[in-house]
Amino acid sequence: MTKATEIFKGPYSTDGIYIYDCNNQMCLMAGDCENYPEQMLGRICEILNNTKPTKGNPAVSVEDGHIYLNGDLILVVRGWGYLTGAGCLNLSNEEALKIQDEFAQHVVNCLRGEA
C-alpha cells in the first residue's frame, strides 16, 4: 500500500486556511480559524517542510483525522475527494481512511518534533 507521505508530499504551502502539498492537493485545513491565524499555518508548513527547526510540542494529539493542541482543534485532514474520486486516485473508503489517518499521525509527529 502507498504511504501517505508519498501521496501528500512536500513542500507544503498555505493560502491562509488550507495547506496544500507539492501537487497543489489540499491536505489540511485550519480547524479553528478564529484562534489560529494564518501565521500558525505558515509555521506548520515550515515545520512540515523542515525549513525551520522546531523544539516540538508534546501537547499535540490526533483523533479521527482531527489534530489538536492542548485539546483545541487546530487542523483537519482533507483530501477525501482526491483519494476516492474516480478521476483521481479512486481508492476504496478503507484505503483512503488509512491514508488520512497515517498523514494525520505524520503531521502530529512533525509538530511534536518526533519526525
PDB file of N, CA and C in Angstrom:
ATOM      1  N   MET A   1       0.835  -1.186   0.000  1.00  0.00           N
ATOM      2  CA  MET A   1       0.000   0.000   0.000  1.00  0.00           C
ATOM      3  C   MET A   1       0.879   1.248   0.000  1.00  0.00           C
ATOM      4  N   THR A   2       0.444   2.258  -0.689  1.00  0.00           N
ATOM      5  CA  THR A   2       1.169   3.511  -0.779  1.00  0.00           C
ATOM      6  C   THR A   2       1.150   4.235   0.560  1.00  0.00           C
ATOM      7  N   LYS A   3       2.275   4.871   0.900  1.00  0.00           N
ATOM      8  CA  LYS A   3       2.350   5.647   2.131  1.00  0.00           C
ATOM      9  C   LYS A   3       1.703   7.010   1.934  1.00  0.00           C
ATOM     10  N   ALA A   4       1.170   7.539   3.021  1.00  0.00           N
ATOM     11  CA  ALA A   4       0.512   8.848   2.980  1.00  0.00           C
ATOM     12  C   ALA A   4       1.459   9.942   2.511  1.00  0.00           C
ATOM     13  N   THR A   5       2.711   9.875   2.934  1.00  0.00           N
ATOM     14  CA  THR A   5       3.676  10.911   2.555  1.00  0.00           C
ATOM     15  C   THR A   5       4.149  10.763   1.111  1.00  0.00           C
ATOM     16  N   GLU A   6       3.768   9.680   0.438  1.00  0.00           N
ATOM     17  CA  GLU A   6       4.023   9.545  -0.993  1.00  0.00           C
ATOM     18  C   GLU A   6       2.866  10.153  -1.789  1.00  0.00           C
ATOM     19  N   ILE A   7       1.719  10.269  -1.164  1.00  0.00           N
ATOM     20  CA  ILE A   7       0.555  10.877  -1.806  1.00  0.00           C
ATOM     21  C   ILE A   7       0.520  12.374  -1.508  1.00  0.00           C
ATOM     22  N   PHE A   8       0.593  12.731  -0.230  1.00  0.00           N
ATOM     23  CA  PHE A   8       0.620  14.129   0.198  1.00  0.00           C
ATOM     24  C   PHE A   8       2.059  14.458   0.573  1.00  0.00           C
ATOM     25  N   LYS A   9       2.833  14.907  -0.415  1.00  0.00           N
ATOM     26  CA  LYS A   9       4.250  15.146  -0.162  1.00  0.00           C
ATOM     27  C   LYS A   9       4.597  16.623  -0.295  1.00  0.00           C
ATOM     28  N   GLY A  10       5.633  17.000   0.415  1.00  0.00           N
ATOM     29  CA  GLY A  10       6.084  18.391   0.408  1.00  0.00           C
ATOM     30  C   GLY A  10       6.906  18.707  -0.809  1.00  0.00           C
ATOM     31  N   PRO A  11       7.190  19.963  -0.971  1.00  0.00           N
ATOM     32  CA  PRO A  11       6.976  21.010   0.023  1.00  0.00           C
ATOM     33  C   PRO A  11       5.507  21.429   0.107  1.00  0.00           C
ATOM     34  N   TYR A  12       5.138  21.811   1.323  1.00  0.00           N
ATOM     35  CA  TYR A  12       3.766  22.222   1.613  1.00  0.00           C
ATOM     36  C   TYR A  12       3.672  23.745   1.570  1.00  0.00           C
ATOM     37  N   SER A  13       2.491  24.241   1.217  1.00  0.00           N
ATOM     38  CA  SER A  13       2.263  25.682   1.174  1.00  0.00           C
ATOM     39  C   SER A  13       0.879  25.970   1.733  1.00  0.00           C
ATOM     40  N   THR A  14       0.641  27.236   2.059  1.00  0.00           N
ATOM     41  CA  THR A  14      -0.653  27.624   2.614  1.00  0.00           C
ATOM     42  C   THR A  14      -1.178  28.871   1.914  1.00  0.00           C
ATOM     43  N   ASP A  15      -2.493  28.976   1.880  1.00  0.00           N
ATOM     44  CA  ASP A  15      -3.113  30.192   1.351  1.00  0.00           C
ATOM     45  C   ASP A  15      -3.856  30.922   2.457  1.00  0.00           C
ATOM     46  N   GLY A  16      -3.669  30.497   3.653  1.00  0.00           N
ATOM     47  CA  GLY A  16      -4.319  31.151   4.793  1.00  0.00           C
ATOM     48  C   GLY A  16      -5.106  30.204   5.659  1.00  0.00           C
ATOM     49  N   ILE A  17      -6.025  29.426   5.085  1.00  0.00           N
ATOM     50  CA  ILE A  17      -6.784  28.480   5.907  1.00  0.00           C
ATOM     51  C   ILE A  17      -6.599  27.030   5.461  1.00  0.00           C
ATOM     52  N   TYR A  18      -5.911  26.842   4.346  1.00  0.00           N
ATOM     53  CA  TYR A  18      -5.648  25.493   3.843  1.00  0.00           C
ATOM     54  C   TYR A  18      -4.152  25.289   3.676  1.00  0.00           C
ATOM     55  N   ILE A  19      -3.730  24.031   3.778  1.00  0.00           N
ATOM     56  CA  ILE A  19      -2.363  23.642   3.461  1.00  0.00           C
ATOM     57  C   ILE A  19      -2.434  22.684   2.291  1.00  0.00           C
ATOM     58  N   TYR A  20      -1.577  22.916   1.301  1.00  0.00           N
ATOM     59  CA  TYR A  20      -1.523  22.128   0.076  1.00  0.00           C
ATOM     60  C   TYR A  20      -0.189  21.414  -0.024  1.00  0.00           C
ATOM     61  N   ASP A  21      -0.185  20.268  -0.715  1.00  0.00           N
ATOM     62  CA  ASP A  21       1.057  19.552  -0.947  1.00  0.00           C
ATOM     63  C   ASP A  21       1.731  20.071  -2.220  1.00  0.00           C
ATOM     64  N   CYS A  22       2.809  19.415  -2.639  1.00  0.00           N
ATOM     65  CA  CYS A  22       3.580  19.876  -3.801  1.00  0.00           C
ATOM     66  C   CYS A  22       2.788  19.802  -5.100  1.00  0.00           C
ATOM     67  N   ASN A  23       1.730  19.000  -5.140  1.00  0.00           N
ATOM     68  CA  ASN A  23       0.885  18.875  -6.330  1.00  0.00           C
ATOM     69  C   ASN A  23      -0.365  19.735  -6.237  1.00  0.00           C
ATOM     70  N   ASN A  24      -0.356  20.661  -5.282  1.00  0.00           N
ATOM     71  CA  ASN A  24      -1.470  21.580  -5.071  1.00  0.00           C
ATOM     72  C   ASN A  24      -2.756  20.866  -4.653  1.00  0.00           C
ATOM     73  N   GLN A  25      -2.601  19.720  -3.982  1.00  0.00           N
ATOM     74  CA  GLN A  25      -3.744  18.996  -3.427  1.00  0.00           C
ATOM     75  C   GLN A  25      -3.960  19.472  -1.997  1.00  0.00           C
ATOM     76  N   MET A  26      -5.190  19.858  -1.666  1.00  0.00           N
ATOM     77  CA  MET A  26      -5.488  20.256  -0.300  1.00  0.00           C
ATOM     78  C   MET A  26      -5.328  19.046   0.608  1.00  0.00           C
ATOM     79  N   CYS A  27      -4.550  19.209   1.675  1.00  0.00           N
ATOM     80  CA  CYS A  27      -4.352  18.078   2.582  1.00  0.00           C
ATOM     81  C   CYS A  27      -4.687  18.414   4.034  1.00  0.00           C
ATOM     82  N   LEU A  28      -4.702  19.706   4.378  1.00  0.00           N
ATOM     83  CA  LEU A  28      -5.047  20.119   5.735  1.00  0.00           C
ATOM     84  C   LEU A  28      -5.851  21.408   5.678  1.00  0.00           C
ATOM     85  N   MET A  29      -6.682  21.604   6.693  1.00  0.00           N
ATOM     86  CA  MET A  29      -7.472  22.822   6.808  1.00  0.00           C
ATOM     87  C   MET A  29      -7.408  23.291   8.256  1.00  0.00           C
ATOM     88  N   ALA A  30      -7.350  24.598   8.443  1.00  0.00           N
ATOM     89  CA  ALA A  30      -7.381  25.143   9.797  1.00  0.00           C
ATOM     90  C   ALA A  30      -8.657  24.696  10.478  1.00  0.00           C
ATOM     91  N   GLY A  31      -8.525  24.264  11.713  1.00  0.00           N
ATOM     92  CA  GLY A  31      -9.684  23.785  12.448  1.00  0.00           C
ATOM     93  C   GLY A  31     -10.410  24.871  13.216  1.00  0.00           C
ATOM     94  N   ASP A  32      -9.705  25.905  13.601  1.00  0.00           N
ATOM     95  CA  ASP A  32     -10.304  26.999  14.357  1.00  0.00           C
ATOM     96  C   ASP A  32      -9.704  28.291  13.839  1.00  0.00           C
ATOM     97  N   CYS A  33     -10.287  28.826  12.783  1.00  0.00           N
ATOM     98  CA  CYS A  33      -9.726  29.995  12.100  1.00  0.00           C
ATOM     99  C   CYS A  33      -9.676  31.227  12.993  1.00  0.00           C
ATOM    100  N   GLU A  34     -10.562  31.316  13.971  1.00  0.00           N
ATOM    101  CA  GLU A  34     -10.594  32.494  14.840  1.00  0.00           C
ATOM    102  C   GLU A  34      -9.383  32.531  15.768  1.00  0.00           C
ATOM    103  N   ASN A  35      -9.023  31.396  16.331  1.00  0.00           N
ATOM    104  CA  ASN A  35      -7.941  31.368  17.312  1.00  0.00           C
ATOM    105  C   ASN A  35      -6.585  31.003  16.733  1.00  0.00           C
ATOM    106  N   TYR A  36      -6.542  30.505  15.525  1.00  0.00           N
ATOM    107  CA  TYR A  36      -5.273  30.083  14.934  1.00  0.00           C
ATOM    108  C   TYR A  36      -5.125  30.752  13.579  1.00  0.00           C
ATOM    109  N   PRO A  37      -4.516  31.917  13.555  1.00  0.00           N
ATOM    110  CA  PRO A  37      -4.423  32.720  12.330  1.00  0.00           C
ATOM    111  C   PRO A  37      -3.478  32.140  11.293  1.00  0.00           C
ATOM    112  N   GLU A  38      -3.399  32.845  10.180  1.00  0.00           N
ATOM    113  CA  GLU A  38      -2.581  32.435   9.040  1.00  0.00           C
ATOM    114  C   GLU A  38      -1.125  32.178   9.428  1.00  0.00           C
ATOM    115  N   GLN A  39      -0.614  32.951  10.379  1.00  0.00           N
ATOM    116  CA  GLN A  39       0.782  32.770  10.795  1.00  0.00           C
ATOM    117  C   GLN A  39       1.024  31.364  11.341  1.00  0.00           C
ATOM    118  N   MET A  40       0.034  30.803  12.009  1.00  0.00           N
ATOM    119  CA  MET A  40       0.190  29.455  12.557  1.00  0.00           C
ATOM    120  C   MET A  40       0.302  28.426  11.428  1.00  0.00           C
ATOM    121  N   LEU A  41      -0.534  28.561  10.393  1.00  0.00           N
ATOM    122  CA  LEU A  41      -0.444  27.617   9.280  1.00  0.00           C
ATOM    123  C   LEU A  41       0.877  27.792   8.541  1.00  0.00           C
ATOM    124  N   GLY A  42       1.354  29.023   8.441  1.00  0.00           N
ATOM    125  CA  GLY A  42       2.668  29.251   7.848  1.00  0.00           C
ATOM    126  C   GLY A  42       3.752  28.549   8.640  1.00  0.00           C
ATOM    127  N   ARG A  43       3.670  28.621   9.958  1.00  0.00           N
ATOM    128  CA  ARG A  43       4.654  27.956  10.827  1.00  0.00           C
ATOM    129  C   ARG A  43       4.538  26.434  10.696  1.00  0.00           C
ATOM    130  N   ILE A  44       3.328  25.927  10.589  1.00  0.00           N
ATOM    131  CA  ILE A  44       3.139  24.482  10.414  1.00  0.00           C
ATOM    132  C   ILE A  44       3.786  24.036   9.109  1.00  0.00           C
ATOM    133  N   CYS A  45       3.633  24.828   8.041  1.00  0.00           N
ATOM    134  CA  CYS A  45       4.291  24.488   6.768  1.00  0.00           C
ATOM    135  C   CYS A  45       5.811  24.466   6.937  1.00  0.00           C
ATOM    136  N   GLU A  46       6.356  25.430   7.669  1.00  0.00           N
ATOM    137  CA  GLU A  46       7.804  25.449   7.911  1.00  0.00           C
ATOM    138  C   GLU A  46       8.254  24.174   8.624  1.00  0.00           C
ATOM    139  N   ILE A  47       7.465  23.744   9.590  1.00  0.00           N
ATOM    140  CA  ILE A  47       7.802  22.521  10.329  1.00  0.00           C
ATOM    141  C   ILE A  47       7.687  21.303   9.417  1.00  0.00           C
ATOM    142  N   LEU A  48       6.586  21.202   8.658  1.00  0.00           N
ATOM    143  CA  LEU A  48       6.405  20.058   7.756  1.00  0.00           C
ATOM    144  C   LEU A  48       7.480  20.024   6.671  1.00  0.00           C
ATOM    145  N   ASN A  49       7.881  21.206   6.196  1.00  0.00           N
ATOM    146  CA  ASN A  49       8.909  21.295   5.150  1.00  0.00           C
ATOM    147  C   ASN A  49      10.320  21.193   5.706  1.00  0.00           C
ATOM    148  N   ASN A  50      10.420  21.212   7.024  1.00  0.00           N
ATOM    149  CA  ASN A  50      11.728  21.116   7.675  1.00  0.00           C
ATOM    150  C   ASN A  50      12.628  22.290   7.285  1.00  0.00           C
ATOM    151  N   THR A  51      12.033  23.481   7.104  1.00  0.00           N
ATOM    152  CA  THR A  51      12.813  24.656   6.720  1.00  0.00           C
ATOM    153  C   THR A  51      13.222  25.500   7.917  1.00  0.00           C
ATOM    154  N   LYS A  52      12.530  25.327   9.043  1.00  0.00           N
ATOM    155  CA  LYS A  52      12.907  26.000  10.279  1.00  0.00           C
ATOM    156  C   LYS A  52      12.772  24.985  11.403  1.00  0.00           C
ATOM    157  N   PRO A  53      13.722  24.963  12.299  1.00  0.00           N
ATOM    158  CA  PRO A  53      13.696  23.958  13.370  1.00  0.00           C
ATOM    159  C   PRO A  53      12.525  24.170  14.334  1.00  0.00           C
ATOM    160  N   THR A  54      12.149  23.087  14.979  1.00  0.00           N
ATOM    161  CA  THR A  54      11.108  23.141  16.000  1.00  0.00           C
ATOM    162  C   THR A  54      11.604  22.428  17.241  1.00  0.00           C
ATOM    163  N   LYS A  55      11.212  22.938  18.383  1.00  0.00           N
ATOM    164  CA  LYS A  55      11.518  22.265  19.647  1.00  0.00           C
ATOM    165  C   LYS A  55      10.528  21.136  19.883  1.00  0.00           C
ATOM    166  N   GLY A  56       9.420  21.193  19.148  1.00  0.00           N
ATOM    167  CA  GLY A  56       8.380  20.172  19.295  1.00  0.00           C
ATOM    168  C   GLY A  56       7.423  20.539  20.410  1.00  0.00           C
ATOM    169  N   ASN A  57       6.221  20.047  20.293  1.00  0.00           N
ATOM    170  CA  ASN A  57       5.204  20.308  21.293  1.00  0.00           C
ATOM    171  C   ASN A  57       4.497  19.002  21.630  1.00  0.00           C
ATOM    172  N   PRO A  58       4.751  18.465  22.831  1.00  0.00           N
ATOM    173  CA  PRO A  58       4.138  17.191  23.204  1.00  0.00           C
ATOM    174  C   PRO A  58       2.624  17.277  23.404  1.00  0.00           C
ATOM    175  N   ALA A  59       2.061  18.497  23.425  1.00  0.00           N
ATOM    176  CA  ALA A  59       0.625  18.663  23.653  1.00  0.00           C
ATOM    177  C   ALA A  59      -0.189  18.518  22.370  1.00  0.00           C
ATOM    178  N   VAL A  60       0.443  18.105  21.264  1.00  0.00           N
ATOM    179  CA  VAL A  60      -0.265  17.898  20.002  1.00  0.00           C
ATOM    180  C   VAL A  60      -0.761  16.458  19.965  1.00  0.00           C
ATOM    181  N   SER A  61      -2.033  16.279  19.576  1.00  0.00           N
ATOM    182  CA  SER A  61      -2.614  14.938  19.524  1.00  0.00           C
ATOM    183  C   SER A  61      -3.511  14.823  18.299  1.00  0.00           C
ATOM    184  N   VAL A  62      -3.932  13.606  18.018  1.00  0.00           N
ATOM    185  CA  VAL A  62      -4.783  13.351  16.854  1.00  0.00           C
ATOM    186  C   VAL A  62      -5.900  12.388  17.235  1.00  0.00           C
ATOM    187  N   GLU A  63      -7.065  12.631  16.638  1.00  0.00           N
ATOM    188  CA  GLU A  63      -8.188  11.712  16.793  1.00  0.00           C
ATOM    189  C   GLU A  63      -9.095  11.863  15.581  1.00  0.00           C
ATOM    190  N   ASP A  64      -9.310  10.767  14.874  1.00  0.00           N
ATOM    191  CA  ASP A  64     -10.222  10.732  13.722  1.00  0.00           C
ATOM    192  C   ASP A  64      -9.946  11.830  12.697  1.00  0.00           C
ATOM    193  N   GLY A  65      -8.676  12.020  12.350  1.00  0.00           N
ATOM    194  CA  GLY A  65      -8.322  12.996  11.331  1.00  0.00           C
ATOM    195  C   GLY A  65      -8.367  14.440  11.795  1.00  0.00           C
ATOM    196  N   HIS A  66      -8.541  14.647  13.087  1.00  0.00           N
ATOM    197  CA  HIS A  66      -8.547  15.983  13.671  1.00  0.00           C
ATOM    198  C   HIS A  66      -7.303  16.107  14.550  1.00  0.00           C
ATOM    199  N   ILE A  67      -6.582  17.221  14.392  1.00  0.00           N
ATOM    200  CA  ILE A  67      -5.343  17.436  15.127  1.00  0.00           C
ATOM    201  C   ILE A  67      -5.579  18.548  16.141  1.00  0.00           C
ATOM    202  N   TYR A  68      -5.182  18.269  17.375  1.00  0.00           N
ATOM    203  CA  TYR A  68      -5.444  19.162  18.496  1.00  0.00           C
ATOM    204  C   TYR A  68      -4.148  19.644  19.139  1.00  0.00           C
ATOM    205  N   LEU A  69      -4.201  20.840  19.694  1.00  0.00           N
ATOM    206  CA  LEU A  69      -3.122  21.388  20.508  1.00  0.00           C
ATOM    207  C   LEU A  69      -3.739  21.767  21.840  1.00  0.00           C
ATOM    208  N   ASN A  70      -3.277  21.121  22.891  1.00  0.00           N
ATOM    209  CA  ASN A  70      -3.844  21.351  24.227  1.00  0.00           C
ATOM    210  C   ASN A  70      -5.361  21.178  24.234  1.00  0.00           C
ATOM    211  N   GLY A  71      -5.866  20.231  23.457  1.00  0.00           N
ATOM    212  CA  GLY A  71      -7.299  19.949  23.406  1.00  0.00           C
ATOM    213  C   GLY A  71      -8.099  20.829  22.462  1.00  0.00           C
ATOM    214  N   ASP A  72      -7.457  21.848  21.865  1.00  0.00           N
ATOM    215  CA  ASP A  72      -8.141  22.733  20.911  1.00  0.00           C
ATOM    216  C   ASP A  72      -7.884  22.257  19.489  1.00  0.00           C
ATOM    217  N   LEU A  73      -8.932  22.179  18.691  1.00  0.00           N
ATOM    218  CA  LEU A  73      -8.811  21.751  17.303  1.00  0.00           C
ATOM    219  C   LEU A  73      -8.003  22.774  16.508  1.00  0.00           C
ATOM    220  N   ILE A  74      -6.903  22.317  15.874  1.00  0.00           N
ATOM    221  CA  ILE A  74      -6.108  23.237  15.059  1.00  0.00           C
ATOM    222  C   ILE A  74      -6.109  22.866  13.577  1.00  0.00           C
ATOM    223  N   LEU A  75      -6.213  21.574  13.258  1.00  0.00           N
ATOM    224  CA  LEU A  75      -6.157  21.132  11.866  1.00  0.00           C
ATOM    225  C   LEU A  75      -7.121  19.982  11.622  1.00  0.00           C
ATOM    226  N   VAL A  76      -7.648  19.950  10.396  1.00  0.00           N
ATOM    227  CA  VAL A  76      -8.481  18.839   9.944  1.00  0.00           C
ATOM    228  C   VAL A  76      -7.833  18.297   8.676  1.00  0.00           C
ATOM    229  N   VAL A  77      -7.656  16.986   8.606  1.00  0.00           N
ATOM    230  CA  VAL A  77      -7.089  16.368   7.409  1.00  0.00           C
ATOM    231  C   VAL A  77      -8.123  16.416   6.297  1.00  0.00           C
ATOM    232  N   ARG A  78      -7.695  16.804   5.105  1.00  0.00           N
ATOM    233  CA  ARG A  78      -8.574  16.915   3.941  1.00  0.00           C
ATOM    234  C   ARG A  78      -8.082  15.976   2.844  1.00  0.00           C
ATOM    235  N   GLY A  79      -8.651  16.091   1.660  1.00  0.00           N
ATOM    236  CA  GLY A  79      -8.207  15.315   0.519  1.00  0.00           C
ATOM    237  C   GLY A  79      -9.038  14.091   0.201  1.00  0.00           C
ATOM    238  N   TRP A  80     -10.192  13.937   0.852  1.00  0.00           N
ATOM    239  CA  TRP A  80     -11.017  12.749   0.642  1.00  0.00           C
ATOM    240  C   TRP A  80     -11.413  12.581  -0.820  1.00  0.00           C
ATOM    241  N   GLY A  81     -11.847  13.653  -1.446  1.00  0.00           N
ATOM    242  CA  GLY A  81     -12.252  13.578  -2.851  1.00  0.00           C
ATOM    243  C   GLY A  81     -11.109  13.182  -3.763  1.00  0.00           C
ATOM    244  N   TYR A  82      -9.923  13.693  -3.482  1.00  0.00           N
ATOM    245  CA  TYR A  82      -8.737  13.330  -4.257  1.00  0.00           C
ATOM    246  C   TYR A  82      -8.402  11.859  -4.071  1.00  0.00           C
ATOM    247  N   LEU A  83      -8.545  11.369  -2.861  1.00  0.00           N
ATOM    248  CA  LEU A  83      -8.216   9.974  -2.580  1.00  0.00           C
ATOM    249  C   LEU A  83      -9.240   8.999  -3.174  1.00  0.00           C
ATOM    250  N   THR A  84     -10.521   9.354  -3.128  1.00  0.00           N
ATOM    251  CA  THR A  84     -11.566   8.403  -3.515  1.00  0.00           C
ATOM    252  C   THR A  84     -12.197   8.686  -4.874  1.00  0.00           C
ATOM    253  N   GLY A  85     -11.963   9.850  -5.448  1.00  0.00           N
ATOM    254  CA  GLY A  85     -12.618  10.233  -6.693  1.00  0.00           C
ATOM    255  C   GLY A  85     -12.234   9.366  -7.875  1.00  0.00           C
ATOM    256  N   ALA A  86     -13.219   9.105  -8.746  1.00  0.00           N
ATOM    257  CA  ALA A  86     -12.994   8.268  -9.927  1.00  0.00           C
ATOM    258  C   ALA A  86     -11.963   8.886 -10.864  1.00  0.00           C
ATOM    259  N   GLY A  87     -11.911  10.201 -10.946  1.00  0.00           N
ATOM    260  CA  GLY A  87     -10.944  10.860 -11.801  1.00  0.00           C
ATOM    261  C   GLY A  87      -9.623  11.118 -11.118  1.00  0.00           C
ATOM    262  N   CYS A  88      -9.504  10.666  -9.901  1.00  0.00           N
ATOM    263  CA  CYS A  88      -8.282  10.900  -9.121  1.00  0.00           C
ATOM    264  C   CYS A  88      -7.643   9.556  -8.772  1.00  0.00           C
ATOM    265  N   LEU A  89      -7.451   9.274  -7.481  1.00  0.00           N
ATOM    266  CA  LEU A  89      -6.790   8.024  -7.092  1.00  0.00           C
ATOM    267  C   LEU A  89      -7.738   6.833  -7.026  1.00  0.00           C
ATOM    268  N   ASN A  90      -9.036   7.088  -6.884  1.00  0.00           N
ATOM    269  CA  ASN A  90     -10.052   6.036  -6.890  1.00  0.00           C
ATOM    270  C   ASN A  90      -9.784   4.937  -5.850  1.00  0.00           C
ATOM    271  N   LEU A  91      -9.332   5.349  -4.668  1.00  0.00           N
ATOM    272  CA  LEU A  91      -9.089   4.385  -3.592  1.00  0.00           C
ATOM    273  C   LEU A  91     -10.410   4.016  -2.927  1.00  0.00           C
ATOM    274  N   SER A  92     -10.430   2.858  -2.308  1.00  0.00           N
ATOM    275  CA  SER A  92     -11.605   2.469  -1.527  1.00  0.00           C
ATOM    276  C   SER A  92     -11.685   3.375  -0.297  1.00  0.00           C
ATOM    277  N   ASN A  93     -12.859   3.427   0.306  1.00  0.00           N
ATOM    278  CA  ASN A  93     -13.021   4.220   1.528  1.00  0.00           C
ATOM    279  C   ASN A  93     -12.051   3.759   2.607  1.00  0.00           C
ATOM    280  N   GLU A  94     -11.860   2.457   2.728  1.00  0.00           N
ATOM    281  CA  GLU A  94     -10.951   1.903   3.735  1.00  0.00           C
ATOM    282  C   GLU A  94      -9.520   2.363   3.493  1.00  0.00           C
ATOM    283  N   GLU A  95      -9.059   2.278   2.240  1.00  0.00           N
ATOM    284  CA  GLU A  95      -7.703   2.720   1.908  1.00  0.00           C
ATOM    285  C   GLU A  95      -7.536   4.216   2.145  1.00  0.00           C
ATOM    286  N   ALA A  96      -8.528   4.998   1.741  1.00  0.00           N
ATOM    287  CA  ALA A  96      -8.463   6.451   1.902  1.00  0.00           C
ATOM    288  C   ALA A  96      -8.411   6.832   3.377  1.00  0.00           C
ATOM    289  N   LEU A  97      -9.187   6.158   4.198  1.00  0.00           N
ATOM    290  CA  LEU A  97      -9.179   6.429   5.627  1.00  0.00           C
ATOM    291  C   LEU A  97      -7.809   6.121   6.233  1.00  0.00           C
ATOM    292  N   LYS A  98      -7.211   5.024   5.806  1.00  0.00           N
ATOM    293  CA  LYS A  98      -5.870   4.679   6.296  1.00  0.00           C
ATOM    294  C   LYS A  98      -4.848   5.742   5.899  1.00  0.00           C
ATOM    295  N   ILE A  99      -4.941   6.230   4.669  1.00  0.00           N
ATOM    296  CA  ILE A  99      -4.023   7.278   4.197  1.00  0.00           C
ATOM    297  C   ILE A  99      -4.217   8.541   5.031  1.00  0.00           C
ATOM    298  N   GLN A 100      -5.469   8.950   5.240  1.00  0.00           N
ATOM    299  CA  GLN A 100      -5.722  10.154   6.026  1.00  0.00           C
ATOM    300  C   GLN A 100      -5.232  10.002   7.462  1.00  0.00           C
ATOM    301  N   ASP A 101      -5.484   8.852   8.068  1.00  0.00           N
ATOM    302  CA  ASP A 101      -5.024   8.619   9.442  1.00  0.00           C
ATOM    303  C   ASP A 101      -3.498   8.630   9.517  1.00  0.00           C
ATOM    304  N   GLU A 102      -2.846   8.005   8.556  1.00  0.00           N
ATOM    305  CA  GLU A 102      -1.387   7.966   8.529  1.00  0.00           C
ATOM    306  C   GLU A 102      -0.808   9.370   8.333  1.00  0.00           C
ATOM    307  N   PHE A 103      -1.435  10.153   7.455  1.00  0.00           N
ATOM    308  CA  PHE A 103      -0.951  11.509   7.232  1.00  0.00           C
ATOM    309  C   PHE A 103      -1.146  12.364   8.486  1.00  0.00           C
ATOM    310  N   ALA A 104      -2.292  12.218   9.145  1.00  0.00           N
ATOM    311  CA  ALA A 104      -2.539  12.954  10.384  1.00  0.00           C
ATOM    312  C   ALA A 104      -1.480  12.626  11.422  1.00  0.00           C
ATOM    313  N   GLN A 105      -1.131  11.352  11.548  1.00  0.00           N
ATOM    314  CA  GLN A 105      -0.107  10.957  12.525  1.00  0.00           C
ATOM    315  C   GLN A 105       1.257  11.516  12.128  1.00  0.00           C
ATOM    316  N   HIS A 106       1.551  11.554  10.838  1.00  0.00           N
ATOM    317  CA  HIS A 106       2.806  12.148  10.359  1.00  0.00           C
ATOM    318  C   HIS A 106       2.877  13.625  10.761  1.00  0.00           C
ATOM    319  N   VAL A 107       1.790  14.360  10.551  1.00  0.00           N
ATOM    320  CA  VAL A 107       1.752  15.780  10.910  1.00  0.00           C
ATOM    321  C   VAL A 107       1.970  15.947  12.409  1.00  0.00           C
ATOM    322  N   VAL A 108       1.287  15.140  13.211  1.00  0.00           N
ATOM    323  CA  VAL A 108       1.440  15.202  14.665  1.00  0.00           C
ATOM    324  C   VAL A 108       2.887  14.922  15.056  1.00  0.00           C
ATOM    325  N   ASN A 109       3.485  13.905  14.457  1.00  0.00           N
ATOM    326  CA  ASN A 109       4.872  13.580  14.776  1.00  0.00           C
ATOM    327  C   ASN A 109       5.798  14.750  14.451  1.00  0.00           C
ATOM    328  N   CYS A 110       5.561  15.407  13.314  1.00  0.00           N
ATOM    329  CA  CYS A 110       6.368  16.578  12.943  1.00  0.00           C
ATOM    330  C   CYS A 110       6.186  17.693  13.961  1.00  0.00           C
ATOM    331  N   LEU A 111       4.951  17.980  14.332  1.00  0.00           N
ATOM    332  CA  LEU A 111       4.679  19.064  15.277  1.00  0.00           C
ATOM    333  C   LEU A 111       5.213  18.751  16.674  1.00  0.00           C
ATOM    334  N   ARG A 112       5.285  17.476  17.020  1.00  0.00           N
ATOM    335  CA  ARG A 112       5.868  17.070  18.296  1.00  0.00           C
ATOM    336  C   ARG A 112       7.400  17.067  18.238  1.00  0.00           C
ATOM    337  N   GLY A 113       7.959  17.196  17.039  1.00  0.00           N
ATOM    338  CA  GLY A 113       9.406  17.141  16.886  1.00  0.00           C
ATOM    339  C   GLY A 113       9.944  15.726  16.874  1.00  0.00           C
ATOM    340  N   GLU A 114       9.087  14.765  16.499  1.00  0.00           N
ATOM    341  CA  GLU A 114       9.439  13.346  16.525  1.00  0.00           C
ATOM    342  C   GLU A 114       9.679  12.773  15.138  1.00  0.00           C
ATOM    343  N   ALA A 115       9.558  13.594  14.101  1.00  0.00           N
ATOM    344  CA  ALA A 115       9.712  13.058  12.732  1.00  0.00           C
ATOM    345  C   ALA A 115      11.055  13.453  12.147  1.00  0.00           C
TER     346      ALA A 115
END
